[in-house]
Amino acid sequence: MYKIILFGDSITAGYYHQEVTDLLTTRISQAFPLAEVINAGIPGDTTVDALERIDQHVLTYKPDYVTVFFGANDMATHHLKTSEDYRENLQKIIDLIGREKIILVSPPANNPLLHVLDRPEHRLEKYVEVAKEVAEQNDIPFVSLFAEMKKQESLRPLLQEDGLHFSEEGYDLLALLMNRALREKIKEGDED
């Protein structure tokens, strides 16, 4: 039995129609029936919040694998975090958890036509690039969720009406990508 922690914000938490649900946790648990999957997603969290709660919500569980999925709130204009703050905080999270346990997930695409005005596309792309660079510098798996979402014909089926939070189809895609990365990470761990 091994432990997988899903560490992130409202999308990780399964925020769906104004409620926290098990939409993501269930999809990961079904793919890894021998794992204990712990959802440590908190709506509204930034990497600053993540660092404040990392001991209680992640390290105390002594996880084998951790998906780290932040950025959508860090980049929101009302938080006024720079991409360099985001970079530094991601690095601190990696250092605390240990790079051998982490899978880093990029911030998601959002639909600016659906009122996500505080997360402009140019700012989002910068945060995605920063996450990718941090993953490369630390030699950790990177789930390019943003790029995978942008490959879709339309973002609308992946997102709820707010243009930011995921629909069931969005969770299907996220779980598919996370499960693929987790399988690779677990396989690497088994080979060591």
Protein backbone atom coordinates (compact mmCIF):
# COMPACT_ATOMS: atom_id res chain seq x y z
CA MET A 1 0.00 0.00 0.00
CA TYR A 2 1.39 3.38 -0.96
CA LYS A 3 0.10 6.94 -0.48
CA ILE A 4 -0.68 9.44 -3.20
CA ILE A 5 -1.48 13.00 -2.18
CA LEU A 6 -3.26 15.36 -4.55
CA PHE A 7 -1.99 18.79 -3.42
CA GLY A 8 -3.62 21.82 -4.97
CA ASP A 9 -6.44 24.33 -5.11
CA SER A 10 -10.17 24.14 -5.92
CA ILE A 11 -9.68 22.11 -9.10
CA THR A 12 -7.77 19.48 -7.13
CA ALA A 13 -10.44 19.65 -4.42
CA GLY A 14 -13.07 18.69 -7.00
CA TYR A 15 -14.95 22.00 -6.91
CA TYR A 16 -18.07 21.36 -8.96
CA HIS A 17 -21.27 23.41 -8.95
CA GLN A 18 -20.25 25.30 -5.82
CA GLU A 19 -19.36 22.17 -3.83
CA VAL A 20 -16.21 20.26 -3.06
CA THR A 21 -16.63 16.75 -4.51
CA ASP A 22 -14.60 13.58 -4.99
CA LEU A 23 -14.57 13.90 -8.80
CA LEU A 24 -10.77 13.83 -9.05
CA THR A 25 -10.04 11.60 -6.06
CA THR A 26 -12.37 8.87 -7.33
CA ARG A 27 -10.77 8.86 -10.77
CA ILE A 28 -7.27 8.54 -9.31
CA SER A 29 -8.34 5.90 -6.74
CA GLN A 30 -9.93 3.76 -9.45
CA ALA A 31 -6.69 3.79 -11.44
CA PHE A 32 -4.60 2.89 -8.37
CA PRO A 33 -6.69 0.51 -6.23
CA LEU A 34 -3.68 -0.43 -4.07
CA ALA A 35 -3.03 3.19 -3.12
CA GLU A 36 -4.44 5.37 -0.42
CA VAL A 37 -5.34 8.58 -2.27
CA ILE A 38 -5.59 11.67 -0.09
CA ASN A 39 -7.04 14.86 -1.52
CA ALA A 40 -5.29 17.92 -0.10
CA GLY A 41 -6.96 20.45 -2.38
CA ILE A 42 -8.27 23.68 -0.84
CA PRO A 43 -10.36 26.14 -2.89
CA GLY A 44 -8.69 29.50 -3.39
CA ASP A 45 -5.21 28.33 -2.43
CA THR A 46 -2.04 29.81 -3.84
CA THR A 47 1.50 28.49 -3.44
CA VAL A 48 1.81 30.80 -0.40
CA ASP A 49 -1.14 29.02 1.23
CA ALA A 50 0.34 25.67 0.20
CA LEU A 51 3.57 26.42 2.04
CA GLU A 52 1.63 27.40 5.16
CA ARG A 53 -0.21 24.06 5.27
CA ILE A 54 2.30 21.66 3.71
CA ASP A 55 3.33 20.11 7.05
CA GLN A 56 -0.24 19.40 8.15
CA HIS A 57 -1.73 18.37 4.79
CA VAL A 58 1.19 16.62 3.08
CA LEU A 59 4.34 15.87 5.07
CA THR A 60 2.53 14.44 8.10
CA TYR A 61 1.15 11.63 5.89
CA LYS A 62 4.62 10.58 4.66
CA PRO A 63 3.42 10.23 1.06
CA ASP A 64 5.09 8.14 -1.62
CA TYR A 65 3.86 10.37 -4.46
CA VAL A 66 2.47 13.91 -4.57
CA THR A 67 0.83 15.73 -7.45
CA VAL A 68 1.44 19.48 -7.08
CA PHE A 69 -1.14 21.56 -8.94
CA PHE A 70 -1.13 25.29 -8.17
CA GLY A 71 -1.00 28.47 -10.21
CA ALA A 72 -4.56 29.38 -11.19
CA ASN A 73 -4.94 31.48 -8.04
CA ASP A 74 -1.32 32.65 -7.85
CA MET A 75 -1.70 34.36 -11.22
CA ALA A 76 -5.08 35.95 -10.48
CA THR A 77 -4.68 39.71 -10.52
CA HIS A 78 -6.34 40.09 -7.09
CA HIS A 79 -3.49 38.10 -5.48
CA LEU A 80 -0.78 40.15 -7.22
CA LYS A 81 1.82 37.38 -7.05
CA THR A 82 4.58 37.62 -9.63
CA SER A 83 5.67 34.67 -11.72
CA GLU A 84 8.98 34.81 -9.82
CA ASP A 85 7.12 34.45 -6.51
CA TYR A 86 5.38 31.44 -8.05
CA ARG A 87 8.73 30.00 -9.18
CA GLU A 88 10.29 30.43 -5.73
CA ASN A 89 7.28 28.93 -3.96
CA LEU A 90 7.15 25.91 -6.28
CA GLN A 91 10.83 25.32 -5.57
CA LYS A 92 10.23 25.52 -1.81
CA ILE A 93 7.38 22.99 -2.13
CA ILE A 94 9.62 20.64 -4.12
CA ASP A 95 12.45 21.01 -1.60
CA LEU A 96 10.14 20.24 1.33
CA ILE A 97 8.43 17.21 -0.22
CA GLY A 98 11.42 15.85 -2.14
CA ARG A 99 11.70 15.87 -5.91
CA GLU A 100 11.66 12.07 -6.14
CA LYS A 101 8.01 12.10 -4.97
CA ILE A 102 6.58 14.92 -7.07
CA ILE A 103 4.64 15.28 -10.28
CA LEU A 104 4.13 18.94 -11.20
CA VAL A 105 0.95 19.93 -13.05
CA SER A 106 0.80 23.15 -15.07
CA PRO A 107 -1.89 25.74 -14.43
CA PRO A 108 -4.98 24.97 -16.54
CA ALA A 109 -6.27 26.85 -19.54
CA ASN A 110 -9.34 28.94 -18.88
CA ASN A 111 -11.99 30.43 -21.10
CA PRO A 112 -11.64 34.23 -21.12
CA LEU A 113 -14.97 34.49 -22.91
CA LEU A 114 -16.60 33.12 -19.76
CA HIS A 115 -15.67 35.96 -17.41
CA VAL A 116 -12.21 34.87 -16.24
CA LEU A 117 -10.93 38.42 -16.64
CA ASP A 118 -8.56 38.34 -13.64
CA ARG A 119 -6.48 35.59 -15.30
CA PRO A 120 -5.41 37.01 -18.69
CA GLU A 121 -3.96 34.61 -21.27
CA HIS A 122 -0.52 36.28 -21.48
CA ARG A 123 -0.13 36.02 -17.71
CA LEU A 124 -1.33 32.41 -17.71
CA GLU A 125 1.19 31.44 -20.40
CA LYS A 126 4.02 32.92 -18.31
CA TYR A 127 3.00 30.85 -15.28
CA VAL A 128 2.79 27.70 -17.39
CA GLU A 129 6.30 28.37 -18.70
CA VAL A 130 7.61 28.92 -15.17
CA ALA A 131 6.09 25.63 -13.97
CA LYS A 132 7.65 23.80 -16.92
CA GLU A 133 11.07 25.35 -16.23
CA VAL A 134 10.90 24.41 -12.54
CA ALA A 135 10.00 20.81 -13.45
CA GLU A 136 12.90 20.63 -15.93
CA GLN A 137 15.40 22.16 -13.49
CA ASN A 138 14.41 19.60 -10.86
CA ASP A 139 14.14 16.69 -13.31
CA ILE A 140 10.59 15.89 -12.23
CA PRO A 141 7.61 14.78 -14.34
CA PHE A 142 5.55 17.64 -15.75
CA VAL A 143 1.91 17.35 -16.75
CA SER A 144 1.33 20.03 -19.38
CA LEU A 145 -2.37 20.38 -18.64
CA PHE A 146 -2.53 23.80 -20.30
CA ALA A 147 -1.14 22.45 -23.61
CA GLU A 148 -3.40 19.39 -23.51
CA MET A 149 -6.46 21.57 -22.92
CA LYS A 150 -5.45 23.90 -25.76
CA LYS A 151 -5.31 20.92 -28.14
CA GLN A 152 -9.05 20.42 -27.70
CA GLU A 153 -11.38 21.81 -30.33
CA SER A 154 -13.08 23.90 -27.64
CA LEU A 155 -12.47 24.52 -23.95
CA ARG A 156 -16.18 24.84 -23.25
CA PRO A 157 -16.87 21.10 -22.67
CA LEU A 158 -13.95 20.91 -20.20
CA LEU A 159 -15.07 23.81 -18.03
CA GLN A 160 -18.02 24.82 -15.93
CA GLU A 161 -19.96 27.99 -16.70
CA ASP A 162 -17.43 30.11 -14.78
CA GLY A 163 -14.77 29.33 -17.41
CA LEU A 164 -12.23 28.22 -14.78
CA HIS A 165 -13.42 25.20 -12.80
CA PHE A 166 -13.65 21.81 -14.46
CA SER A 167 -16.67 19.94 -15.76
CA GLU A 168 -16.81 16.14 -15.55
CA GLU A 169 -15.10 16.05 -18.97
CA GLY A 170 -12.38 18.32 -17.64
CA TYR A 171 -11.83 15.97 -14.71
CA ASP A 172 -11.68 13.04 -17.12
CA LEU A 173 -8.82 14.74 -18.98
CA LEU A 174 -7.02 15.82 -15.80
CA ALA A 175 -7.25 12.32 -14.30
CA LEU A 176 -6.05 10.72 -17.54
CA LEU A 177 -2.95 12.94 -17.57
CA MET A 178 -2.25 12.58 -13.85
CA ASN A 179 -2.74 8.81 -13.95
CA ARG A 180 -0.33 8.50 -16.87
CA ALA A 181 2.33 10.52 -15.02
CA LEU A 182 1.75 8.62 -11.77
CA ARG A 183 2.11 5.26 -13.53
CA GLU A 184 5.46 6.36 -14.96
CA LYS A 185 6.62 7.67 -11.58
CA ILE A 186 5.56 4.48 -9.78
CA LYS A 187 7.26 2.37 -12.45
CA GLU A 188 10.48 4.36 -11.95
CA GLY A 189 10.20 3.84 -8.18
CA ASP A 190 9.77 0.09 -8.64
CA GLU A 191 12.92 -0.04 -10.79
CA ASP A 192 15.08 1.72 -8.19
